[in-house]
Amino acid sequence: MRQTGLTWGNLSSHISKLEASNYVEVEKTFKGKKPHTMLHLTNKGRAAFQIYRQQMKQVFDDLPD
């Protein structure tokens, strides 16, 4: 939440969609009495992110000066 500036509800919705697509694995634990959620990028998620990065790089490279 701190890194994205999203509310918990918005972030939870995004995480659910990424998990449903098998892009991330969600690990929920507790640190003391506080819930702690960790996300792990799957191989499928890593590959999709690499494709996204390449496509975005191409978009920016194609912009005129």
N, C-alpha and C. Protein backbone atom coordinates (compact mmCIF):
# COMPACT_ATOMS: atom_id res chain seq x y z
N MET A 1 0.83 -1.18 0.00
CA MET A 1 0.00 0.00 0.00
C MET A 1 0.87 1.25 0.00
N ARG A 2 1.95 1.20 0.78
CA ARG A 2 2.82 2.38 0.85
C ARG A 2 3.47 2.67 -0.50
N GLN A 3 3.85 1.63 -1.21
CA GLN A 3 4.57 1.82 -2.47
C GLN A 3 3.66 2.26 -3.61
N THR A 4 2.41 1.82 -3.59
CA THR A 4 1.52 2.12 -4.72
C THR A 4 0.61 3.31 -4.47
N GLY A 5 0.32 3.59 -3.20
CA GLY A 5 -0.63 4.65 -2.88
C GLY A 5 -2.08 4.21 -3.05
N LEU A 6 -2.30 2.92 -3.33
CA LEU A 6 -3.66 2.41 -3.49
C LEU A 6 -4.29 2.16 -2.13
N THR A 7 -5.61 2.20 -2.08
CA THR A 7 -6.31 1.82 -0.86
C THR A 7 -6.24 0.31 -0.72
N TRP A 8 -6.54 -0.20 0.48
CA TRP A 8 -6.50 -1.65 0.68
C TRP A 8 -7.49 -2.35 -0.25
N GLY A 9 -8.68 -1.78 -0.43
CA GLY A 9 -9.69 -2.39 -1.30
C GLY A 9 -9.22 -2.48 -2.75
N ASN A 10 -8.64 -1.40 -3.27
CA ASN A 10 -8.15 -1.40 -4.65
C ASN A 10 -6.99 -2.38 -4.82
N LEU A 11 -6.08 -2.36 -3.86
CA LEU A 11 -4.93 -3.24 -3.93
C LEU A 11 -5.37 -4.70 -3.86
N SER A 12 -6.31 -5.00 -2.99
CA SER A 12 -6.83 -6.35 -2.85
C SER A 12 -7.46 -6.84 -4.15
N SER A 13 -8.18 -5.97 -4.83
CA SER A 13 -8.81 -6.31 -6.10
C SER A 13 -7.76 -6.65 -7.16
N HIS A 14 -6.72 -5.83 -7.24
CA HIS A 14 -5.62 -6.08 -8.20
C HIS A 14 -4.92 -7.40 -7.89
N ILE A 15 -4.64 -7.63 -6.61
CA ILE A 15 -3.96 -8.85 -6.20
C ILE A 15 -4.80 -10.07 -6.55
N SER A 16 -6.10 -10.00 -6.32
CA SER A 16 -7.00 -11.12 -6.64
C SER A 16 -6.96 -11.45 -8.13
N LYS A 17 -6.94 -10.44 -8.97
CA LYS A 17 -6.90 -10.66 -10.42
C LYS A 17 -5.56 -11.26 -10.85
N LEU A 18 -4.46 -10.78 -10.25
CA LEU A 18 -3.15 -11.33 -10.57
C LEU A 18 -3.04 -12.78 -10.10
N GLU A 19 -3.61 -13.07 -8.95
CA GLU A 19 -3.60 -14.44 -8.42
C GLU A 19 -4.46 -15.36 -9.30
N ALA A 20 -5.62 -14.89 -9.73
CA ALA A 20 -6.50 -15.69 -10.58
C ALA A 20 -5.84 -16.00 -11.93
N SER A 21 -4.97 -15.11 -12.39
CA SER A 21 -4.25 -15.32 -13.65
C SER A 21 -2.98 -16.13 -13.47
N ASN A 22 -2.72 -16.55 -12.22
CA ASN A 22 -1.51 -17.30 -11.88
C ASN A 22 -0.23 -16.51 -12.14
N TYR A 23 -0.31 -15.19 -11.97
CA TYR A 23 0.87 -14.34 -12.09
C TYR A 23 1.58 -14.18 -10.76
N VAL A 24 0.84 -14.29 -9.66
CA VAL A 24 1.43 -14.20 -8.32
C VAL A 24 0.86 -15.30 -7.43
N GLU A 25 1.64 -15.66 -6.42
CA GLU A 25 1.16 -16.53 -5.34
C GLU A 25 1.08 -15.66 -4.10
N VAL A 26 0.01 -15.81 -3.33
CA VAL A 26 -0.21 -15.00 -2.15
C VAL A 26 0.06 -15.85 -0.91
N GLU A 27 0.86 -15.32 0.00
CA GLU A 27 1.15 -15.99 1.26
C GLU A 27 0.71 -15.06 2.39
N LYS A 28 -0.24 -15.53 3.18
CA LYS A 28 -0.76 -14.72 4.28
C LYS A 28 -0.31 -15.33 5.60
N THR A 29 0.34 -14.52 6.43
CA THR A 29 0.81 -14.95 7.74
C THR A 29 0.50 -13.84 8.74
N PHE A 30 0.98 -14.02 9.94
CA PHE A 30 0.86 -12.99 10.98
C PHE A 30 2.24 -12.66 11.50
N LYS A 31 2.47 -11.40 11.75
CA LYS A 31 3.66 -10.93 12.46
C LYS A 31 3.14 -10.42 13.79
N GLY A 32 3.34 -11.23 14.83
CA GLY A 32 2.69 -10.91 16.08
C GLY A 32 1.20 -11.10 15.89
N LYS A 33 0.45 -10.07 16.13
CA LYS A 33 -1.01 -10.14 15.96
C LYS A 33 -1.48 -9.45 14.69
N LYS A 34 -0.53 -8.94 13.90
CA LYS A 34 -0.90 -8.20 12.69
C LYS A 34 -0.80 -9.10 11.46
N PRO A 35 -1.80 -9.04 10.57
CA PRO A 35 -1.71 -9.82 9.33
C PRO A 35 -0.59 -9.30 8.44
N HIS A 36 0.06 -10.22 7.75
CA HIS A 36 1.18 -9.88 6.86
C HIS A 36 0.99 -10.66 5.57
N THR A 37 0.90 -9.95 4.45
CA THR A 37 0.68 -10.58 3.15
C THR A 37 1.93 -10.42 2.29
N MET A 38 2.40 -11.54 1.76
CA MET A 38 3.56 -11.54 0.86
C MET A 38 3.10 -12.04 -0.50
N LEU A 39 3.61 -11.43 -1.54
CA LEU A 39 3.33 -11.87 -2.91
C LEU A 39 4.60 -12.42 -3.52
N HIS A 40 4.45 -13.53 -4.25
CA HIS A 40 5.57 -14.13 -4.94
C HIS A 40 5.23 -14.20 -6.42
N LEU A 41 6.08 -13.66 -7.25
CA LEU A 41 5.87 -13.69 -8.69
C LEU A 41 6.11 -15.11 -9.19
N THR A 42 5.17 -15.65 -9.96
CA THR A 42 5.32 -16.99 -10.53
C THR A 42 6.15 -16.89 -11.81
N ASN A 43 6.55 -18.04 -12.33
CA ASN A 43 7.27 -18.05 -13.61
C ASN A 43 6.41 -17.44 -14.72
N LYS A 44 5.12 -17.77 -14.71
CA LYS A 44 4.19 -17.21 -15.70
C LYS A 44 4.10 -15.69 -15.54
N GLY A 45 4.04 -15.22 -14.30
CA GLY A 45 3.98 -13.79 -14.04
C GLY A 45 5.25 -13.08 -14.45
N ARG A 46 6.39 -13.71 -14.19
CA ARG A 46 7.67 -13.12 -14.57
C ARG A 46 7.78 -12.99 -16.09
N ALA A 47 7.35 -14.04 -16.81
CA ALA A 47 7.38 -14.00 -18.27
C ALA A 47 6.45 -12.92 -18.81
N ALA A 48 5.25 -12.81 -18.24
CA ALA A 48 4.30 -11.79 -18.69
C ALA A 48 4.85 -10.39 -18.42
N PHE A 49 5.51 -10.21 -17.29
CA PHE A 49 6.08 -8.91 -16.96
C PHE A 49 7.21 -8.54 -17.93
N GLN A 50 8.03 -9.52 -18.31
CA GLN A 50 9.10 -9.26 -19.26
C GLN A 50 8.54 -8.82 -20.61
N ILE A 51 7.48 -9.46 -21.06
CA ILE A 51 6.83 -9.08 -22.32
C ILE A 51 6.27 -7.66 -22.20
N TYR A 52 5.62 -7.37 -21.08
CA TYR A 52 5.08 -6.02 -20.84
C TYR A 52 6.19 -4.97 -20.89
N ARG A 53 7.30 -5.25 -20.23
CA ARG A 53 8.43 -4.30 -20.22
C ARG A 53 8.94 -4.05 -21.64
N GLN A 54 9.07 -5.12 -22.43
CA GLN A 54 9.55 -4.97 -23.80
C GLN A 54 8.58 -4.15 -24.64
N GLN A 55 7.29 -4.40 -24.46
CA GLN A 55 6.28 -3.65 -25.21
C GLN A 55 6.28 -2.18 -24.82
N MET A 56 6.38 -1.89 -23.53
CA MET A 56 6.40 -0.49 -23.08
C MET A 56 7.68 0.21 -23.54
N LYS A 57 8.79 -0.50 -23.52
CA LYS A 57 10.04 0.08 -24.02
C LYS A 57 9.89 0.46 -25.49
N GLN A 58 9.25 -0.43 -26.26
CA GLN A 58 9.04 -0.15 -27.68
C GLN A 58 8.15 1.07 -27.88
N VAL A 59 7.11 1.21 -27.07
CA VAL A 59 6.22 2.37 -27.15
C VAL A 59 7.03 3.65 -26.94
N PHE A 60 7.87 3.67 -25.91
CA PHE A 60 8.66 4.88 -25.62
C PHE A 60 9.73 5.12 -26.67
N ASP A 61 10.33 4.04 -27.18
CA ASP A 61 11.35 4.19 -28.22
C ASP A 61 10.76 4.75 -29.51
N ASP A 62 9.48 4.46 -29.76
CA ASP A 62 8.82 4.91 -30.99
C ASP A 62 8.31 6.36 -30.91
N LEU A 63 8.33 6.95 -29.72
CA LEU A 63 7.87 8.33 -29.59
C LEU A 63 8.85 9.29 -30.29
N PRO A 64 8.32 10.30 -30.95
CA PRO A 64 9.23 11.27 -31.57
C PRO A 64 9.92 12.11 -30.50
N ASP A 65 11.09 12.60 -30.84
CA ASP A 65 11.84 13.48 -29.92
C ASP A 65 11.12 14.75 -29.85
